[in-house]
PDB file of N, CA and C in Angstrom:
ATOM      1  N   UNK A   1      96.594 105.005  89.062  1.00  0.00           N
ATOM      2  CA  UNK A   1      95.285 105.321  89.620  1.00  0.00           C
ATOM      3  C   UNK A   1      95.478 105.597  91.102  1.00  0.00           C
ATOM      4  N   UNK A   2      95.019 106.766  91.518  1.00  0.00           N
ATOM      5  CA  UNK A   2      95.145 107.182  92.910  1.00  0.00           C
ATOM      6  C   UNK A   2      93.759 107.113  93.549  1.00  0.00           C
ATOM      7  N   UNK A   3      93.543 106.169  94.475  1.00  0.00           N
ATOM      8  CA  UNK A   3      92.245 106.112  95.148  1.00  0.00           C
ATOM      9  C   UNK A   3      92.133 107.225  96.186  1.00  0.00           C
ATOM     10  N   UNK A   4      91.000 107.907  96.175  1.00  0.00           N
ATOM     11  CA  UNK A   4      90.743 108.991  97.124  1.00  0.00           C
ATOM     12  C   UNK A   4      89.358 108.769  97.719  1.00  0.00           C
ATOM     13  N   UNK A   5      89.306 108.609  99.044  1.00  0.00           N
ATOM     14  CA  UNK A   5      88.008 108.428  99.684  1.00  0.00           C
ATOM     15  C   UNK A   5      87.404 109.780 100.040  1.00  0.00           C
ATOM     16  N   UNK A   6      86.285 109.752 100.732  1.00  0.00           N
ATOM     17  CA  UNK A   6      85.561 110.981 101.044  1.00  0.00           C
ATOM     18  C   UNK A   6      86.004 111.622 102.347  1.00  0.00           C
ATOM     19  N   UNK A   7      87.044 111.088 102.960  1.00  0.00           N
ATOM     20  CA  UNK A   7      87.510 111.610 104.237  1.00  0.00           C
ATOM     21  C   UNK A   7      88.012 113.040 104.138  1.00  0.00           C
ATOM     22  N   UNK A   8      87.917 113.748 105.242  1.00  0.00           N
ATOM     23  CA  UNK A   8      88.290 115.164 105.277  1.00  0.00           C
ATOM     24  C   UNK A   8      89.759 115.385 104.940  1.00  0.00           C
ATOM     25  N   UNK A   9      90.611 114.444 105.217  1.00  0.00           N
ATOM     26  CA  UNK A   9      92.045 114.596 104.969  1.00  0.00           C
ATOM     27  C   UNK A   9      92.498 113.958 103.659  1.00  0.00           C
ATOM     28  N   UNK A  10      91.569 113.434 102.886  1.00  0.00           N
ATOM     29  CA  UNK A  10      91.928 112.751 101.642  1.00  0.00           C
ATOM     30  C   UNK A  10      92.648 113.671 100.663  1.00  0.00           C
ATOM     31  N   UNK A  11      92.214 114.900 100.552  1.00  0.00           N
ATOM     32  CA  UNK A  11      92.834 115.824  99.599  1.00  0.00           C
ATOM     33  C   UNK A  11      94.238 116.204 100.062  1.00  0.00           C
ATOM     34  N   UNK A  12      94.433 116.323 101.385  1.00  0.00           N
ATOM     35  CA  UNK A  12      95.784 116.575 101.899  1.00  0.00           C
ATOM     36  C   UNK A  12      96.716 115.436 101.501  1.00  0.00           C
ATOM     37  N   UNK A  13      96.246 114.208 101.684  1.00  0.00           N
ATOM     38  CA  UNK A  13      97.039 113.045 101.299  1.00  0.00           C
ATOM     39  C   UNK A  13      97.297 113.004  99.805  1.00  0.00           C
ATOM     40  N   UNK A  14      96.288 113.360  99.019  1.00  0.00           N
ATOM     41  CA  UNK A  14      96.440 113.401  97.566  1.00  0.00           C
ATOM     42  C   UNK A  14      97.523 114.401  97.177  1.00  0.00           C
ATOM     43  N   UNK A  15      97.480 115.585  97.744  1.00  0.00           N
ATOM     44  CA  UNK A  15      98.490 116.604  97.432  1.00  0.00           C
ATOM     45  C   UNK A  15      99.892 116.148  97.827  1.00  0.00           C
ATOM     46  N   UNK A  16     100.018 115.534  99.004  1.00  0.00           N
ATOM     47  CA  UNK A  16     101.321 115.017  99.437  1.00  0.00           C
ATOM     48  C   UNK A  16     101.822 113.949  98.472  1.00  0.00           C
ATOM     49  N   UNK A  17     100.928 113.050  98.081  1.00  0.00           N
ATOM     50  CA  UNK A  17     101.306 111.973  97.167  1.00  0.00           C
ATOM     51  C   UNK A  17     101.735 112.527  95.811  1.00  0.00           C
ATOM     52  N   UNK A  18     101.001 113.492  95.295  1.00  0.00           N
ATOM     53  CA  UNK A  18     101.343 114.072  93.991  1.00  0.00           C
ATOM     54  C   UNK A  18     102.682 114.801  94.036  1.00  0.00           C
ATOM     55  N   UNK A  19     102.988 115.429  95.155  1.00  0.00           N
ATOM     56  CA  UNK A  19     104.308 116.050  95.311  1.00  0.00           C
ATOM     57  C   UNK A  19     105.408 114.995  95.264  1.00  0.00           C
ATOM     58  N   UNK A  20     105.168 113.852  95.903  1.00  0.00           N
ATOM     59  CA  UNK A  20     106.134 112.756  95.873  1.00  0.00           C
ATOM     60  C   UNK A  20     106.299 112.210  94.456  1.00  0.00           C
ATOM     61  N   UNK A  21     105.183 112.010  93.753  1.00  0.00           N
ATOM     62  CA  UNK A  21     105.243 111.526  92.369  1.00  0.00           C
ATOM     63  C   UNK A  21     106.048 112.490  91.511  1.00  0.00           C
ATOM     64  N   UNK A  22     105.825 113.768  91.681  1.00  0.00           N
ATOM     65  CA  UNK A  22     106.562 114.767  90.901  1.00  0.00           C
ATOM     66  C   UNK A  22     108.057 114.694  91.215  1.00  0.00           C
ATOM     67  N   UNK A  23     108.395 114.505  92.488  1.00  0.00           N
ATOM     68  CA  UNK A  23     109.806 114.379  92.857  1.00  0.00           C
ATOM     69  C   UNK A  23     110.437 113.139  92.224  1.00  0.00           C
ATOM     70  N   UNK A  24     109.696 112.035  92.184  1.00  0.00           N
ATOM     71  CA  UNK A  24     110.233 110.777  91.666  1.00  0.00           C
ATOM     72  C   UNK A  24     110.201 110.684  90.149  1.00  0.00           C
ATOM     73  N   UNK A  25     109.106 111.134  89.542  1.00  0.00           N
ATOM     74  CA  UNK A  25     108.916 110.953  88.102  1.00  0.00           C
ATOM     75  C   UNK A  25     109.148 112.217  87.284  1.00  0.00           C
ATOM     76  N   UNK A  26     109.189 113.345  87.942  1.00  0.00           N
ATOM     77  CA  UNK A  26     109.385 114.604  87.230  1.00  0.00           C
ATOM     78  C   UNK A  26     108.063 115.271  86.907  1.00  0.00           C
ATOM     79  N   UNK A  27     108.102 116.558  86.618  1.00  0.00           N
ATOM     80  CA  UNK A  27     106.874 117.329  86.390  1.00  0.00           C
ATOM     81  C   UNK A  27     106.146 116.982  85.096  1.00  0.00           C
ATOM     82  N   UNK A  28     106.790 116.253  84.207  1.00  0.00           N
ATOM     83  CA  UNK A  28     106.138 115.927  82.933  1.00  0.00           C
ATOM     84  C   UNK A  28     105.293 114.666  83.016  1.00  0.00           C
ATOM     85  N   UNK A  29     105.367 113.918  84.131  1.00  0.00           N
ATOM     86  CA  UNK A  29     104.572 112.690  84.275  1.00  0.00           C
ATOM     87  C   UNK A  29     103.104 113.053  84.460  1.00  0.00           C
ATOM     88  N   UNK A  30     102.282 112.645  83.513  1.00  0.00           N
ATOM     89  CA  UNK A  30     100.863 113.020  83.529  1.00  0.00           C
ATOM     90  C   UNK A  30      99.931 111.817  83.400  1.00  0.00           C
ATOM     91  N   UNK A  31     100.449 110.620  83.529  1.00  0.00           N
ATOM     92  CA  UNK A  31      99.614 109.435  83.327  1.00  0.00           C
ATOM     93  C   UNK A  31      98.977 108.960  84.635  1.00  0.00           C
ATOM     94  N   UNK A  32      98.446 109.853  85.388  1.00  0.00           N
ATOM     95  CA  UNK A  32      97.773 109.479  86.617  1.00  0.00           C
ATOM     96  C   UNK A  32      96.331 109.965  86.581  1.00  0.00           C
ATOM     97  N   UNK A  33      95.488 109.243  87.289  1.00  0.00           N
ATOM     98  CA  UNK A  33      94.073 109.581  87.400  1.00  0.00           C
ATOM     99  C   UNK A  33      93.632 109.362  88.844  1.00  0.00           C
ATOM    100  N   UNK A  34      92.562 110.038  89.208  1.00  0.00           N
ATOM    101  CA  UNK A  34      91.995 109.935  90.553  1.00  0.00           C
ATOM    102  C   UNK A  34      90.731 109.092  90.487  1.00  0.00           C
ATOM    103  N   UNK A  35      90.671 108.095  91.363  1.00  0.00           N
ATOM    104  CA  UNK A  35      89.483 107.253  91.499  1.00  0.00           C
ATOM    105  C   UNK A  35      88.841 107.549  92.841  1.00  0.00           C
ATOM    106  N   UNK A  36      87.611 108.001  92.816  1.00  0.00           N
ATOM    107  CA  UNK A  36      86.882 108.256  94.063  1.00  0.00           C
ATOM    108  C   UNK A  36      86.362 106.941  94.612  1.00  0.00           C
ATOM    109  N   UNK A  37      86.681 106.676  95.882  1.00  0.00           N
ATOM    110  CA  UNK A  37      86.293 105.425  96.520  1.00  0.00           C
ATOM    111  C   UNK A  37      85.498 105.698  97.791  1.00  0.00           C
ATOM    112  N   UNK A  38      84.851 104.663  98.286  1.00  0.00           N
ATOM    113  CA  UNK A  38      84.065 104.740  99.523  1.00  0.00           C
ATOM    114  C   UNK A  38      83.005 105.836  99.433  1.00  0.00           C
ATOM    115  N   UNK A  39      82.449 106.024  98.254  1.00  0.00           N
ATOM    116  CA  UNK A  39      81.442 107.060  98.025  1.00  0.00           C
ATOM    117  C   UNK A  39      80.137 106.628  98.689  1.00  0.00           C
ATOM    118  N   UNK A  40      79.587 107.489  99.510  1.00  0.00           N
ATOM    119  CA  UNK A  40      78.336 107.220 100.211  1.00  0.00           C
ATOM    120  C   UNK A  40      77.235 108.035  99.539  1.00  0.00           C
ATOM    121  N   UNK A  41      76.309 107.359  98.889  1.00  0.00           N
ATOM    122  CA  UNK A  41      75.258 108.047  98.130  1.00  0.00           C
ATOM    123  C   UNK A  41      74.411 108.975  98.993  1.00  0.00           C
ATOM    124  N   UNK A  42      74.261 108.645 100.268  1.00  0.00           N
ATOM    125  CA  UNK A  42      73.375 109.445 101.119  1.00  0.00           C
ATOM    126  C   UNK A  42      74.082 110.636 101.775  1.00  0.00           C
ATOM    127  N   UNK A  43      75.388 110.735 101.645  1.00  0.00           N
ATOM    128  CA  UNK A  43      76.141 111.824 102.282  1.00  0.00           C
ATOM    129  C   UNK A  43      76.304 112.984 101.304  1.00  0.00           C
ATOM    130  N   UNK A  44      75.230 113.685 101.043  1.00  0.00           N
ATOM    131  CA  UNK A  44      75.221 114.750 100.034  1.00  0.00           C
ATOM    132  C   UNK A  44      76.143 115.917 100.400  1.00  0.00           C
ATOM    133  N   UNK A  45      76.159 116.309 101.668  1.00  0.00           N
ATOM    134  CA  UNK A  45      77.003 117.423 102.082  1.00  0.00           C
ATOM    135  C   UNK A  45      78.484 117.066 101.916  1.00  0.00           C
ATOM    136  N   UNK A  46      78.846 115.857 102.304  1.00  0.00           N
ATOM    137  CA  UNK A  46      80.224 115.393 102.133  1.00  0.00           C
ATOM    138  C   UNK A  46      80.594 115.363 100.663  1.00  0.00           C
ATOM    139  N   UNK A  47      79.681 114.925  99.836  1.00  0.00           N
ATOM    140  CA  UNK A  47      79.906 114.879  98.383  1.00  0.00           C
ATOM    141  C   UNK A  47      80.200 116.275  97.839  1.00  0.00           C
ATOM    142  N   UNK A  48      79.396 117.245  98.227  1.00  0.00           N
ATOM    143  CA  UNK A  48      79.612 118.622  97.761  1.00  0.00           C
ATOM    144  C   UNK A  48      80.964 119.167  98.226  1.00  0.00           C
ATOM    145  N   UNK A  49      81.321 118.874  99.463  1.00  0.00           N
ATOM    146  CA  UNK A  49      82.598 119.347 100.005  1.00  0.00           C
ATOM    147  C   UNK A  49      83.773 118.713  99.260  1.00  0.00           C
ATOM    148  N   UNK A  50      83.690 117.424  98.992  1.00  0.00           N
ATOM    149  CA  UNK A  50      84.774 116.750  98.274  1.00  0.00           C
ATOM    150  C   UNK A  50      84.917 117.294  96.858  1.00  0.00           C
ATOM    151  N   UNK A  51      83.805 117.499  96.180  1.00  0.00           N
ATOM    152  CA  UNK A  51      83.842 118.062  94.823  1.00  0.00           C
ATOM    153  C   UNK A  51      84.505 119.437  94.853  1.00  0.00           C
ATOM    154  N   UNK A  52      84.172 120.237  95.848  1.00  0.00           N
ATOM    155  CA  UNK A  52      84.781 121.567  95.968  1.00  0.00           C
ATOM    156  C   UNK A  52      86.287 121.462  96.192  1.00  0.00           C
ATOM    157  N   UNK A  53      86.703 120.500  97.005  1.00  0.00           N
ATOM    158  CA  UNK A  53      88.130 120.339  97.295  1.00  0.00           C
ATOM    159  C   UNK A  53      88.902 119.750  96.116  1.00  0.00           C
ATOM    160  N   UNK A  54      88.203 119.096  95.208  1.00  0.00           N
ATOM    161  CA  UNK A  54      88.862 118.517  94.034  1.00  0.00           C
ATOM    162  C   UNK A  54      88.945 119.498  92.866  1.00  0.00           C
ATOM    163  N   UNK A  55      88.521 120.730  93.091  1.00  0.00           N
ATOM    164  CA  UNK A  55      88.649 121.746  92.036  1.00  0.00           C
ATOM    165  C   UNK A  55      90.109 121.807  91.590  1.00  0.00           C
ATOM    166  N   UNK A  56      90.298 121.877  90.303  1.00  0.00           N
ATOM    167  CA  UNK A  56      91.644 121.885  89.750  1.00  0.00           C
ATOM    168  C   UNK A  56      92.107 120.515  89.293  1.00  0.00           C
ATOM    169  N   UNK A  57      91.417 119.471  89.748  1.00  0.00           N
ATOM    170  CA  UNK A  57      91.764 118.106  89.349  1.00  0.00           C
ATOM    171  C   UNK A  57      90.737 117.502  88.397  1.00  0.00           C
ATOM    172  N   UNK A  58      89.800 118.299  87.906  1.00  0.00           N
ATOM    173  CA  UNK A  58      88.698 117.770  87.102  1.00  0.00           C
ATOM    174  C   UNK A  58      89.174 116.921  85.926  1.00  0.00           C
ATOM    175  N   UNK A  59      90.242 117.338  85.264  1.00  0.00           N
ATOM    176  CA  UNK A  59      90.747 116.594  84.106  1.00  0.00           C
ATOM    177  C   UNK A  59      91.359 115.257  84.500  1.00  0.00           C
ATOM    178  N   UNK A  60      91.661 115.092  85.764  1.00  0.00           N
ATOM    179  CA  UNK A  60      92.297 113.863  86.257  1.00  0.00           C
ATOM    180  C   UNK A  60      91.310 112.895  86.904  1.00  0.00           C
ATOM    181  N   UNK A  61      90.071 113.338  87.108  1.00  0.00           N
ATOM    182  CA  UNK A  61      89.077 112.483  87.759  1.00  0.00           C
ATOM    183  C   UNK A  61      88.534 111.439  86.792  1.00  0.00           C
ATOM    184  N   UNK A  62      88.559 110.195  87.221  1.00  0.00           N
ATOM    185  CA  UNK A  62      87.875 109.162  86.456  1.00  0.00           C
ATOM    186  C   UNK A  62      86.374 109.357  86.636  1.00  0.00           C
ATOM    187  N   UNK A  63      85.606 109.033  85.630  1.00  0.00           N
ATOM    188  CA  UNK A  63      84.150 109.130  85.740  1.00  0.00           C
ATOM    189  C   UNK A  63      83.615 108.067  86.700  1.00  0.00           C
ATOM    190  N   UNK A  64      84.278 106.933  86.745  1.00  0.00           N
ATOM    191  CA  UNK A  64      83.863 105.839  87.626  1.00  0.00           C
ATOM    192  C   UNK A  64      84.060 106.225  89.084  1.00  0.00           C
ATOM    193  N   UNK A  65      83.170 105.718  89.924  1.00  0.00           N
ATOM    194  CA  UNK A  65      83.269 105.881  91.373  1.00  0.00           C
ATOM    195  C   UNK A  65      82.998 104.517  91.989  1.00  0.00           C
ATOM    196  N   UNK A  66      83.679 104.223  93.078  1.00  0.00           N
ATOM    197  CA  UNK A  66      83.427 102.987  93.812  1.00  0.00           C
ATOM    198  C   UNK A  66      82.666 103.365  95.078  1.00  0.00           C
ATOM    199  N   UNK A  67      81.421 102.903  95.161  1.00  0.00           N
ATOM    200  CA  UNK A  67      80.572 103.249  96.295  1.00  0.00           C
ATOM    201  C   UNK A  67      80.865 102.358  97.495  1.00  0.00           C
ATOM    202  N   UNK A  68      80.638 102.911  98.659  1.00  0.00           N
ATOM    203  CA  UNK A  68      80.779 102.159  99.899  1.00  0.00           C
ATOM    204  C   UNK A  68      79.785 101.007  99.861  1.00  0.00           C
ATOM    205  N   UNK A  69      80.247  99.813 100.227  1.00  0.00           N
ATOM    206  CA  UNK A  69      79.386  98.653 100.046  1.00  0.00           C
ATOM    207  C   UNK A  69      79.712  97.543 101.036  1.00  0.00           C
ATOM    208  N   UNK A  70      78.672  97.023 101.651  1.00  0.00           N
ATOM    209  CA  UNK A  70      78.841  95.869 102.524  1.00  0.00           C
ATOM    210  C   UNK A  70      79.190  94.626 101.709  1.00  0.00           C
ATOM    211  N   UNK A  71      78.724  94.559 100.476  1.00  0.00           N
ATOM    212  CA  UNK A  71      79.061  93.423  99.601  1.00  0.00           C
ATOM    213  C   UNK A  71      80.572  93.348  99.403  1.00  0.00           C
ATOM    214  N   UNK A  72      81.214  94.482  99.232  1.00  0.00           N
ATOM    215  CA  UNK A  72      82.673  94.494  99.072  1.00  0.00           C
ATOM    216  C   UNK A  72      83.348  93.951 100.324  1.00  0.00           C
ATOM    217  N   UNK A  73      82.891  94.373 101.500  1.00  0.00           N
ATOM    218  CA  UNK A  73      83.452  93.852 102.750  1.00  0.00           C
ATOM    219  C   UNK A  73      83.246  92.351 102.861  1.00  0.00           C
ATOM    220  N   UNK A  74      82.043  91.895 102.580  1.00  0.00           N
ATOM    221  CA  UNK A  74      81.745  90.469 102.682  1.00  0.00           C
ATOM    222  C   UNK A  74      82.563  89.649 101.698  1.00  0.00           C
ATOM    223  N   UNK A  75      82.768  90.174 100.500  1.00  0.00           N
ATOM    224  CA  UNK A  75      83.557  89.430  99.513  1.00  0.00           C
ATOM    225  C   UNK A  75      85.003  89.283  99.975  1.00  0.00           C
ATOM    226  N   UNK A  76      85.533  90.288 100.673  1.00  0.00           N
ATOM    227  CA  UNK A  76      86.900  90.187 101.194  1.00  0.00           C
ATOM    228  C   UNK A  76      86.987  89.077 102.229  1.00  0.00           C
ATOM    229  N   UNK A  77      86.004  89.008 103.130  1.00  0.00           N
ATOM    230  CA  UNK A  77      85.995  87.943 104.133  1.00  0.00           C
ATOM    231  C   UNK A  77      85.857  86.571 103.485  1.00  0.00           C
ATOM    232  N   UNK A  78      85.120  86.515 102.390  1.00  0.00           N
ATOM    233  CA  UNK A  78      84.937  85.251 101.673  1.00  0.00           C
ATOM    234  C   UNK A  78      86.124  84.939 100.761  1.00  0.00           C
ATOM    235  N   UNK A  79      87.099  85.837 100.738  1.00  0.00           N
ATOM    236  CA  UNK A  79      88.292  85.691  99.896  1.00  0.00           C
ATOM    237  C   UNK A  79      87.921  85.478  98.429  1.00  0.00           C
ATOM    238  N   UNK A  80      86.996  86.305  97.981  1.00  0.00           N
ATOM    239  CA  UNK A  80      86.583  86.255  96.578  1.00  0.00           C
ATOM    240  C   UNK A  80      86.419  87.682  96.067  1.00  0.00           C
ATOM    241  N   UNK A  81      86.283  87.803  94.783  1.00  0.00           N
ATOM    242  CA  UNK A  81      86.049  89.121  94.200  1.00  0.00           C
ATOM    243  C   UNK A  81      84.568  89.463  94.316  1.00  0.00           C
ATOM    244  N   UNK A  82      84.236  90.718  94.147  1.00  0.00           N
ATOM    245  CA  UNK A  82      82.821  91.091  94.154  1.00  0.00           C
ATOM    246  C   UNK A  82      82.106  90.466  92.963  1.00  0.00           C
ATOM    247  N   UNK A  83      82.833  90.220  91.881  1.00  0.00           N
ATOM    248  CA  UNK A  83      82.231  89.591  90.700  1.00  0.00           C
ATOM    249  C   UNK A  83      81.849  88.142  90.987  1.00  0.00           C
ATOM    250  N   UNK A  84      82.632  87.460  91.807  1.00  0.00           N
ATOM    251  CA  UNK A  84      82.315  86.083  92.197  1.00  0.00           C
ATOM    252  C   UNK A  84      81.264  86.057  93.304  1.00  0.00           C
ATOM    253  N   UNK A  85      81.399  86.957  94.259  1.00  0.00           N
ATOM    254  CA  UNK A  85      80.547  86.958  95.444  1.00  0.00           C
ATOM    255  C   UNK A  85      79.120  87.388  95.132  1.00  0.00           C
ATOM    256  N   UNK A  86      78.967  88.483  94.412  1.00  0.00           N
ATOM    257  CA  UNK A  86      77.639  88.998  94.061  1.00  0.00           C
ATOM    258  C   UNK A  86      77.751  89.795  92.762  1.00  0.00           C
ATOM    259  N   UNK A  87      77.772  89.088  91.629  1.00  0.00           N
ATOM    260  CA  UNK A  87      78.023  89.753  90.350  1.00  0.00           C
ATOM    261  C   UNK A  87      76.975  90.786  89.942  1.00  0.00           C
ATOM    262  N   UNK A  88      75.794  90.751  90.540  1.00  0.00           N
ATOM    263  CA  UNK A  88      74.744  91.706  90.182  1.00  0.00           C
ATOM    264  C   UNK A  88      74.667  92.886  91.158  1.00  0.00           C
ATOM    265  N   UNK A  89      75.597  92.950  92.079  1.00  0.00           N
ATOM    266  CA  UNK A  89      75.573  94.020  93.081  1.00  0.00           C
ATOM    267  C   UNK A  89      75.991  95.356  92.472  1.00  0.00           C
ATOM    268  N   UNK A  90      75.542  96.449  93.085  1.00  0.00           N
ATOM    269  CA  UNK A  90      75.963  97.767  92.599  1.00  0.00           C
ATOM    270  C   UNK A  90      77.480  97.952  92.604  1.00  0.00           C
ATOM    271  N   UNK A  91      78.173  97.408  93.603  1.00  0.00           N
ATOM    272  CA  UNK A  91      79.624  97.589  93.655  1.00  0.00           C
ATOM    273  C   UNK A  91      80.318  96.791  92.551  1.00  0.00           C
ATOM    274  N   UNK A  92      79.773  95.642  92.179  1.00  0.00           N
ATOM    275  CA  UNK A  92      80.327  94.908  91.033  1.00  0.00           C
ATOM    276  C   UNK A  92      80.143  95.737  89.766  1.00  0.00           C
ATOM    277  N   UNK A  93      79.009  96.407  89.663  1.00  0.00           N
ATOM    278  CA  UNK A  93      78.779  97.308  88.531  1.00  0.00           C
ATOM    279  C   UNK A  93      79.793  98.460  88.536  1.00  0.00           C
ATOM    280  N   UNK A  94      80.072  99.015  89.730  1.00  0.00           N
ATOM    281  CA  UNK A  94      81.074 100.084  89.841  1.00  0.00           C
ATOM    282  C   UNK A  94      82.423  99.624  89.289  1.00  0.00           C
ATOM    283  N   UNK A  95      82.849  98.441  89.727  1.00  0.00           N
ATOM    284  CA  UNK A  95      84.147  97.935  89.274  1.00  0.00           C
ATOM    285  C   UNK A  95      84.128  97.587  87.789  1.00  0.00           C
ATOM    286  N   UNK A  96      82.989  97.129  87.296  1.00  0.00           N
ATOM    287  CA  UNK A  96      82.864  96.878  85.861  1.00  0.00           C
ATOM    288  C   UNK A  96      83.002  98.158  85.055  1.00  0.00           C
ATOM    289  N   UNK A  97      82.389  99.228  85.537  1.00  0.00           N
ATOM    290  CA  UNK A  97      82.522 100.523  84.859  1.00  0.00           C
ATOM    291  C   UNK A  97      83.967 101.010  84.888  1.00  0.00           C
ATOM    292  N   UNK A  98      84.636 100.810  86.015  1.00  0.00           N
ATOM    293  CA  UNK A  98      86.041 101.203  86.122  1.00  0.00           C
ATOM    294  C   UNK A  98      86.891 100.414  85.125  1.00  0.00           C
ATOM    295  N   UNK A  99      86.658  99.119  85.055  1.00  0.00           N
ATOM    296  CA  UNK A  99      87.385  98.279  84.097  1.00  0.00           C
ATOM    297  C   UNK A  99      87.216  98.815  82.681  1.00  0.00           C
ATOM    298  N   UNK A 100      85.980  99.105  82.308  1.00  0.00           N
ATOM    299  CA  UNK A 100      85.704  99.596  80.957  1.00  0.00           C
ATOM    300  C   UNK A 100      86.360 100.955  80.708  1.00  0.00           C
ATOM    301  N   UNK A 101      86.328 101.814  81.711  1.00  0.00           N
ATOM    302  CA  UNK A 101      86.933 103.134  81.558  1.00  0.00           C
ATOM    303  C   UNK A 101      88.450 103.032  81.388  1.00  0.00           C
ATOM    304  N   UNK A 102      89.075 102.161  82.163  1.00  0.00           N
ATOM    305  CA  UNK A 102      90.525 101.982  82.040  1.00  0.00           C
ATOM    306  C   UNK A 102      90.879 101.400  80.678  1.00  0.00           C
ATOM    307  N   UNK A 103      90.111 100.429  80.238  1.00  0.00           N
ATOM    308  CA  UNK A 103      90.359  99.851  78.906  1.00  0.00           C
ATOM    309  C   UNK A 103      90.297 100.919  77.824  1.00  0.00           C
ATOM    310  N   UNK A 104      89.295 101.762  77.881  1.00  0.00           N
ATOM    311  CA  UNK A 104      89.155 102.826  76.878  1.00  0.00           C
ATOM    312  C   UNK A 104      90.318 103.811  76.958  1.00  0.00           C
ATOM    313  N   UNK A 105      90.803 104.043  78.152  1.00  0.00           N
ATOM    314  CA  UNK A 105      91.896 104.996  78.349  1.00  0.00           C
ATOM    315  C   UNK A 105      93.211 104.470  77.784  1.00  0.00           C
ATOM    316  N   UNK A 106      93.486 103.184  77.969  1.00  0.00           N
ATOM    317  CA  UNK A 106      94.779 102.643  77.550  1.00  0.00           C
ATOM    318  C   UNK A 106      94.800 102.189  76.099  1.00  0.00           C
ATOM    319  N   UNK A 107      93.659 102.040  75.490  1.00  0.00           N
ATOM    320  CA  UNK A 107      93.627 101.582  74.095  1.00  0.00           C
ATOM    321  C   UNK A 107      93.779 102.718  73.124  1.00  0.00           C
TER     322      UNK A 107
END
């Protein structure tokens, strides 16, 4: 799973990383997926730009997204998981969806 945030240089980093993976694992390695992280619901223009830059990777995108969240930051300071810190929070739901998606993928 390759986490990719909404930053302007995220796709450059993704491309560099995928080139490295290909060098190390060979061109036939296809068991990778992209997880969008730090997604800001109110940044619509950034969202559109990122989607445009991810063209060609659609088959590799996980449906799950991890949204930017103060609860996630607070849980790190509390040295707990988001599930322990605030199990009903939207970010806990995001991670729950990711868990379920990964389970379905590997089973």
